[in-house]
Amino acid sequence: MALSQPARFGEDWSDDRVRGYLNRQPPAGVNADFHVLNTAYKHMRAYDFERFICFFLEEGRDINAVNEDGKTLLDLVRQHPISLDFVHILEDATQKAA
């Protein structure tokens, strides 16, 4: 399958592009808030993810949403040794939401 758009690295993401992840539709049976958090984590740099989290919280979405195994995104990201920046972002967001 051919890619419709070539990958570009190091480009700046607009607020609209970052916010666009809030509208990602989950597969059936998947928590919508967990889905958008996980998708954003997989596709964004830490700087953009931090901006995304601000938009996410402004919408009143659930930073503690869980997957089908009962795990939050923070639970999962803590298992990734090179994701410390994301761990800090999620920990801060969790504290703000409390």
N, C-alpha and C. Protein backbone atom coordinates (compact mmCIF):
# COMPACT_ATOMS: atom_id res chain seq x y z
N MET A 1 0.85 -1.16 0.00
CA MET A 1 0.00 0.00 0.00
C MET A 1 0.90 1.24 0.00
N ALA A 2 0.62 2.17 -0.83
CA ALA A 2 1.39 3.41 -0.91
C ALA A 2 0.92 4.39 0.14
N LEU A 3 1.87 5.15 0.65
CA LEU A 3 1.53 6.19 1.61
C LEU A 3 0.92 7.37 0.88
N SER A 4 -0.12 7.95 1.47
CA SER A 4 -0.75 9.09 0.83
C SER A 4 0.01 10.38 1.12
N GLN A 5 0.80 10.38 2.18
CA GLN A 5 1.55 11.57 2.54
C GLN A 5 2.90 11.13 3.09
N PRO A 6 3.98 11.67 2.59
CA PRO A 6 5.29 11.27 3.09
C PRO A 6 5.49 11.72 4.54
N ALA A 7 6.25 10.96 5.29
CA ALA A 7 6.55 11.32 6.67
C ALA A 7 7.47 12.53 6.67
N ARG A 8 7.20 13.44 7.60
CA ARG A 8 8.04 14.62 7.76
C ARG A 8 8.42 14.70 9.23
N PHE A 9 9.68 14.85 9.50
CA PHE A 9 10.16 14.85 10.87
C PHE A 9 10.62 16.25 11.25
N GLY A 10 10.36 16.62 12.51
CA GLY A 10 10.82 17.90 13.02
C GLY A 10 9.94 19.08 12.65
N GLU A 11 8.82 18.84 12.02
CA GLU A 11 7.96 19.96 11.65
C GLU A 11 7.15 20.43 12.85
N ASP A 12 6.78 21.70 12.85
CA ASP A 12 5.94 22.25 13.91
C ASP A 12 4.50 21.86 13.67
N TRP A 13 3.81 21.50 14.75
CA TRP A 13 2.40 21.14 14.67
C TRP A 13 1.57 22.33 15.12
N SER A 14 0.57 22.67 14.33
CA SER A 14 -0.34 23.75 14.69
C SER A 14 -1.26 23.29 15.82
N ASP A 15 -1.87 24.25 16.51
CA ASP A 15 -2.85 23.90 17.54
C ASP A 15 -4.00 23.09 16.95
N ASP A 16 -4.42 23.43 15.74
CA ASP A 16 -5.52 22.69 15.11
C ASP A 16 -5.14 21.23 14.87
N ARG A 17 -3.92 21.00 14.47
CA ARG A 17 -3.48 19.62 14.24
C ARG A 17 -3.44 18.85 15.56
N VAL A 18 -2.92 19.48 16.61
CA VAL A 18 -2.86 18.84 17.92
C VAL A 18 -4.27 18.57 18.43
N ARG A 19 -5.14 19.58 18.34
CA ARG A 19 -6.54 19.42 18.79
C ARG A 19 -7.27 18.35 17.99
N GLY A 20 -6.89 18.14 16.76
CA GLY A 20 -7.55 17.16 15.91
C GLY A 20 -7.56 15.76 16.52
N TYR A 21 -6.59 15.48 17.36
CA TYR A 21 -6.53 14.16 18.00
C TYR A 21 -7.67 13.96 19.01
N LEU A 22 -8.28 15.05 19.46
CA LEU A 22 -9.42 14.94 20.37
C LEU A 22 -10.62 14.30 19.70
N ASN A 23 -10.65 14.33 18.37
CA ASN A 23 -11.80 13.83 17.62
C ASN A 23 -11.61 12.42 17.09
N ARG A 24 -10.52 11.77 17.44
CA ARG A 24 -10.29 10.40 16.96
C ARG A 24 -11.36 9.47 17.51
N GLN A 25 -11.96 8.69 16.66
CA GLN A 25 -13.02 7.78 17.06
C GLN A 25 -12.43 6.43 17.47
N PRO A 26 -12.86 5.92 18.62
CA PRO A 26 -12.31 4.65 19.10
C PRO A 26 -12.97 3.46 18.42
N PRO A 27 -12.29 2.34 18.39
CA PRO A 27 -12.94 1.11 17.95
C PRO A 27 -14.05 0.75 18.93
N ALA A 28 -14.96 -0.08 18.51
CA ALA A 28 -16.06 -0.50 19.37
C ALA A 28 -15.52 -1.09 20.68
N GLY A 29 -16.11 -0.67 21.78
CA GLY A 29 -15.74 -1.20 23.08
C GLY A 29 -14.54 -0.57 23.74
N VAL A 30 -13.91 0.41 23.09
CA VAL A 30 -12.73 1.07 23.65
C VAL A 30 -13.15 2.43 24.20
N ASN A 31 -12.71 2.75 25.39
CA ASN A 31 -13.01 4.04 26.02
C ASN A 31 -12.47 5.16 25.13
N ALA A 32 -13.33 6.12 24.79
CA ALA A 32 -12.95 7.19 23.86
C ALA A 32 -11.81 8.04 24.41
N ASP A 33 -11.85 8.36 25.71
CA ASP A 33 -10.78 9.19 26.27
C ASP A 33 -9.46 8.44 26.29
N PHE A 34 -9.48 7.17 26.65
CA PHE A 34 -8.24 6.38 26.61
C PHE A 34 -7.71 6.32 25.18
N HIS A 35 -8.60 6.11 24.23
CA HIS A 35 -8.19 5.98 22.83
C HIS A 35 -7.47 7.23 22.33
N VAL A 36 -8.04 8.41 22.59
CA VAL A 36 -7.38 9.62 22.08
C VAL A 36 -6.07 9.89 22.81
N LEU A 37 -6.02 9.60 24.11
CA LEU A 37 -4.76 9.76 24.84
C LEU A 37 -3.68 8.85 24.27
N ASN A 38 -4.01 7.60 24.07
CA ASN A 38 -3.06 6.63 23.57
C ASN A 38 -2.61 6.95 22.15
N THR A 39 -3.55 7.36 21.32
CA THR A 39 -3.21 7.71 19.94
C THR A 39 -2.29 8.93 19.90
N ALA A 40 -2.60 9.93 20.72
CA ALA A 40 -1.75 11.12 20.78
C ALA A 40 -0.35 10.75 21.28
N TYR A 41 -0.28 9.92 22.29
CA TYR A 41 1.02 9.49 22.82
C TYR A 41 1.85 8.80 21.74
N LYS A 42 1.22 7.96 20.96
CA LYS A 42 1.95 7.21 19.94
C LYS A 42 2.44 8.09 18.79
N HIS A 43 1.78 9.22 18.55
CA HIS A 43 2.09 10.01 17.36
C HIS A 43 2.75 11.36 17.62
N MET A 44 2.81 11.79 18.87
CA MET A 44 3.30 13.13 19.15
C MET A 44 4.63 13.12 19.89
N ARG A 45 5.37 14.18 19.66
CA ARG A 45 6.55 14.45 20.49
C ARG A 45 6.05 14.94 21.84
N ALA A 46 6.90 14.90 22.84
CA ALA A 46 6.49 15.30 24.19
C ALA A 46 5.94 16.73 24.22
N TYR A 47 6.58 17.64 23.51
CA TYR A 47 6.12 19.04 23.48
C TYR A 47 4.69 19.13 22.96
N ASP A 48 4.40 18.46 21.87
CA ASP A 48 3.06 18.49 21.30
C ASP A 48 2.06 17.75 22.19
N PHE A 49 2.50 16.65 22.80
CA PHE A 49 1.64 15.89 23.70
C PHE A 49 1.25 16.75 24.91
N GLU A 50 2.17 17.53 25.41
CA GLU A 50 1.87 18.41 26.54
C GLU A 50 0.79 19.43 26.15
N ARG A 51 0.90 19.97 24.96
CA ARG A 51 -0.13 20.89 24.46
C ARG A 51 -1.47 20.17 24.31
N PHE A 52 -1.42 18.95 23.78
CA PHE A 52 -2.62 18.15 23.62
C PHE A 52 -3.31 17.93 24.97
N ILE A 53 -2.53 17.60 26.00
CA ILE A 53 -3.09 17.34 27.32
C ILE A 53 -3.82 18.58 27.84
N CYS A 54 -3.30 19.75 27.61
CA CYS A 54 -3.99 20.98 28.01
C CYS A 54 -5.36 21.08 27.35
N PHE A 55 -5.41 20.82 26.05
CA PHE A 55 -6.69 20.86 25.32
C PHE A 55 -7.63 19.77 25.83
N PHE A 56 -7.09 18.60 26.09
CA PHE A 56 -7.84 17.45 26.58
C PHE A 56 -8.51 17.79 27.92
N LEU A 57 -7.75 18.36 28.84
CA LEU A 57 -8.29 18.72 30.15
C LEU A 57 -9.28 19.87 30.06
N GLU A 58 -9.02 20.83 29.16
CA GLU A 58 -9.96 21.95 28.97
C GLU A 58 -11.34 21.45 28.57
N GLU A 59 -11.39 20.34 27.85
CA GLU A 59 -12.67 19.76 27.42
C GLU A 59 -13.32 18.92 28.51
N GLY A 60 -12.65 18.81 29.66
CA GLY A 60 -13.21 18.04 30.76
C GLY A 60 -13.14 16.54 30.56
N ARG A 61 -12.19 16.11 29.77
CA ARG A 61 -12.05 14.67 29.49
C ARG A 61 -11.28 13.98 30.62
N ASP A 62 -11.36 12.67 30.65
CA ASP A 62 -10.88 11.87 31.76
C ASP A 62 -9.43 11.41 31.56
N ILE A 63 -8.51 12.05 32.28
CA ILE A 63 -7.09 11.70 32.19
C ILE A 63 -6.83 10.31 32.78
N ASN A 64 -7.76 9.83 33.59
CA ASN A 64 -7.62 8.51 34.22
C ASN A 64 -8.43 7.44 33.52
N ALA A 65 -8.80 7.68 32.28
CA ALA A 65 -9.55 6.68 31.50
C ALA A 65 -8.71 5.42 31.38
N VAL A 66 -9.38 4.28 31.34
CA VAL A 66 -8.66 3.00 31.30
C VAL A 66 -8.94 2.23 30.01
N ASN A 67 -8.00 1.35 29.70
CA ASN A 67 -8.17 0.45 28.55
C ASN A 67 -8.96 -0.78 28.99
N GLU A 68 -9.07 -1.74 28.10
CA GLU A 68 -9.85 -2.95 28.39
C GLU A 68 -9.23 -3.80 29.51
N ASP A 69 -7.97 -3.53 29.85
CA ASP A 69 -7.29 -4.25 30.93
C ASP A 69 -7.31 -3.46 32.24
N GLY A 70 -8.01 -2.33 32.25
CA GLY A 70 -8.09 -1.51 33.46
C GLY A 70 -6.86 -0.66 33.72
N LYS A 71 -6.03 -0.44 32.70
CA LYS A 71 -4.80 0.34 32.83
C LYS A 71 -5.01 1.74 32.26
N THR A 72 -4.49 2.75 32.97
CA THR A 72 -4.48 4.11 32.43
C THR A 72 -3.30 4.25 31.48
N LEU A 73 -3.29 5.32 30.72
CA LEU A 73 -2.14 5.55 29.84
C LEU A 73 -0.88 5.74 30.69
N LEU A 74 -0.99 6.40 31.82
CA LEU A 74 0.17 6.58 32.69
C LEU A 74 0.73 5.23 33.13
N ASP A 75 -0.14 4.29 33.48
CA ASP A 75 0.31 2.95 33.84
C ASP A 75 1.17 2.34 32.73
N LEU A 76 0.71 2.49 31.50
CA LEU A 76 1.41 1.90 30.36
C LEU A 76 2.70 2.63 30.03
N VAL A 77 2.65 3.96 30.06
CA VAL A 77 3.82 4.75 29.68
C VAL A 77 4.96 4.56 30.68
N ARG A 78 4.63 4.33 31.92
CA ARG A 78 5.67 4.08 32.93
C ARG A 78 6.50 2.84 32.60
N GLN A 79 5.98 1.97 31.77
CA GLN A 79 6.70 0.75 31.38
C GLN A 79 7.66 0.98 30.23
N HIS A 80 7.62 2.15 29.62
CA HIS A 80 8.48 2.47 28.48
C HIS A 80 9.69 3.26 28.97
N PRO A 81 10.85 2.67 28.94
CA PRO A 81 12.03 3.30 29.55
C PRO A 81 12.44 4.64 28.95
N ILE A 82 12.07 4.94 27.74
CA ILE A 82 12.50 6.21 27.14
C ILE A 82 11.38 7.24 27.11
N SER A 83 10.34 7.04 27.90
CA SER A 83 9.18 7.93 27.88
C SER A 83 9.04 8.78 29.13
N LEU A 84 10.13 9.09 29.78
CA LEU A 84 10.08 9.83 31.03
C LEU A 84 9.40 11.19 30.89
N ASP A 85 9.62 11.89 29.78
CA ASP A 85 8.96 13.18 29.56
C ASP A 85 7.44 13.01 29.56
N PHE A 86 6.97 11.95 28.92
CA PHE A 86 5.53 11.69 28.87
C PHE A 86 4.99 11.31 30.25
N VAL A 87 5.75 10.58 31.01
CA VAL A 87 5.35 10.22 32.38
C VAL A 87 5.14 11.49 33.19
N HIS A 88 6.06 12.43 33.11
CA HIS A 88 5.95 13.68 33.87
C HIS A 88 4.72 14.48 33.43
N ILE A 89 4.48 14.53 32.15
CA ILE A 89 3.31 15.25 31.63
C ILE A 89 2.03 14.64 32.16
N LEU A 90 1.93 13.32 32.12
CA LEU A 90 0.73 12.64 32.59
C LEU A 90 0.58 12.73 34.11
N GLU A 91 1.68 12.65 34.84
CA GLU A 91 1.61 12.81 36.29
C GLU A 91 1.11 14.20 36.66
N ASP A 92 1.62 15.22 36.00
CA ASP A 92 1.17 16.60 36.26
C ASP A 92 -0.31 16.76 35.93
N ALA A 93 -0.73 16.20 34.82
CA ALA A 93 -2.14 16.30 34.41
C ALA A 93 -3.05 15.58 35.39
N THR A 94 -2.59 14.44 35.89
CA THR A 94 -3.38 13.67 36.85
C THR A 94 -3.55 14.46 38.15
N GLN A 95 -2.50 15.14 38.57
CA GLN A 95 -2.59 15.97 39.78
C GLN A 95 -3.54 17.14 39.58
N LYS A 96 -3.48 17.77 38.40
CA LYS A 96 -4.36 18.90 38.12
C LYS A 96 -5.83 18.47 38.08
N ALA A 97 -6.07 17.25 37.59
CA ALA A 97 -7.44 16.76 37.45
C ALA A 97 -8.03 16.31 38.78
N ALA A 98 -7.17 16.07 39.78
CA ALA A 98 -7.66 15.54 41.07
C ALA A 98 -8.43 16.59 41.86
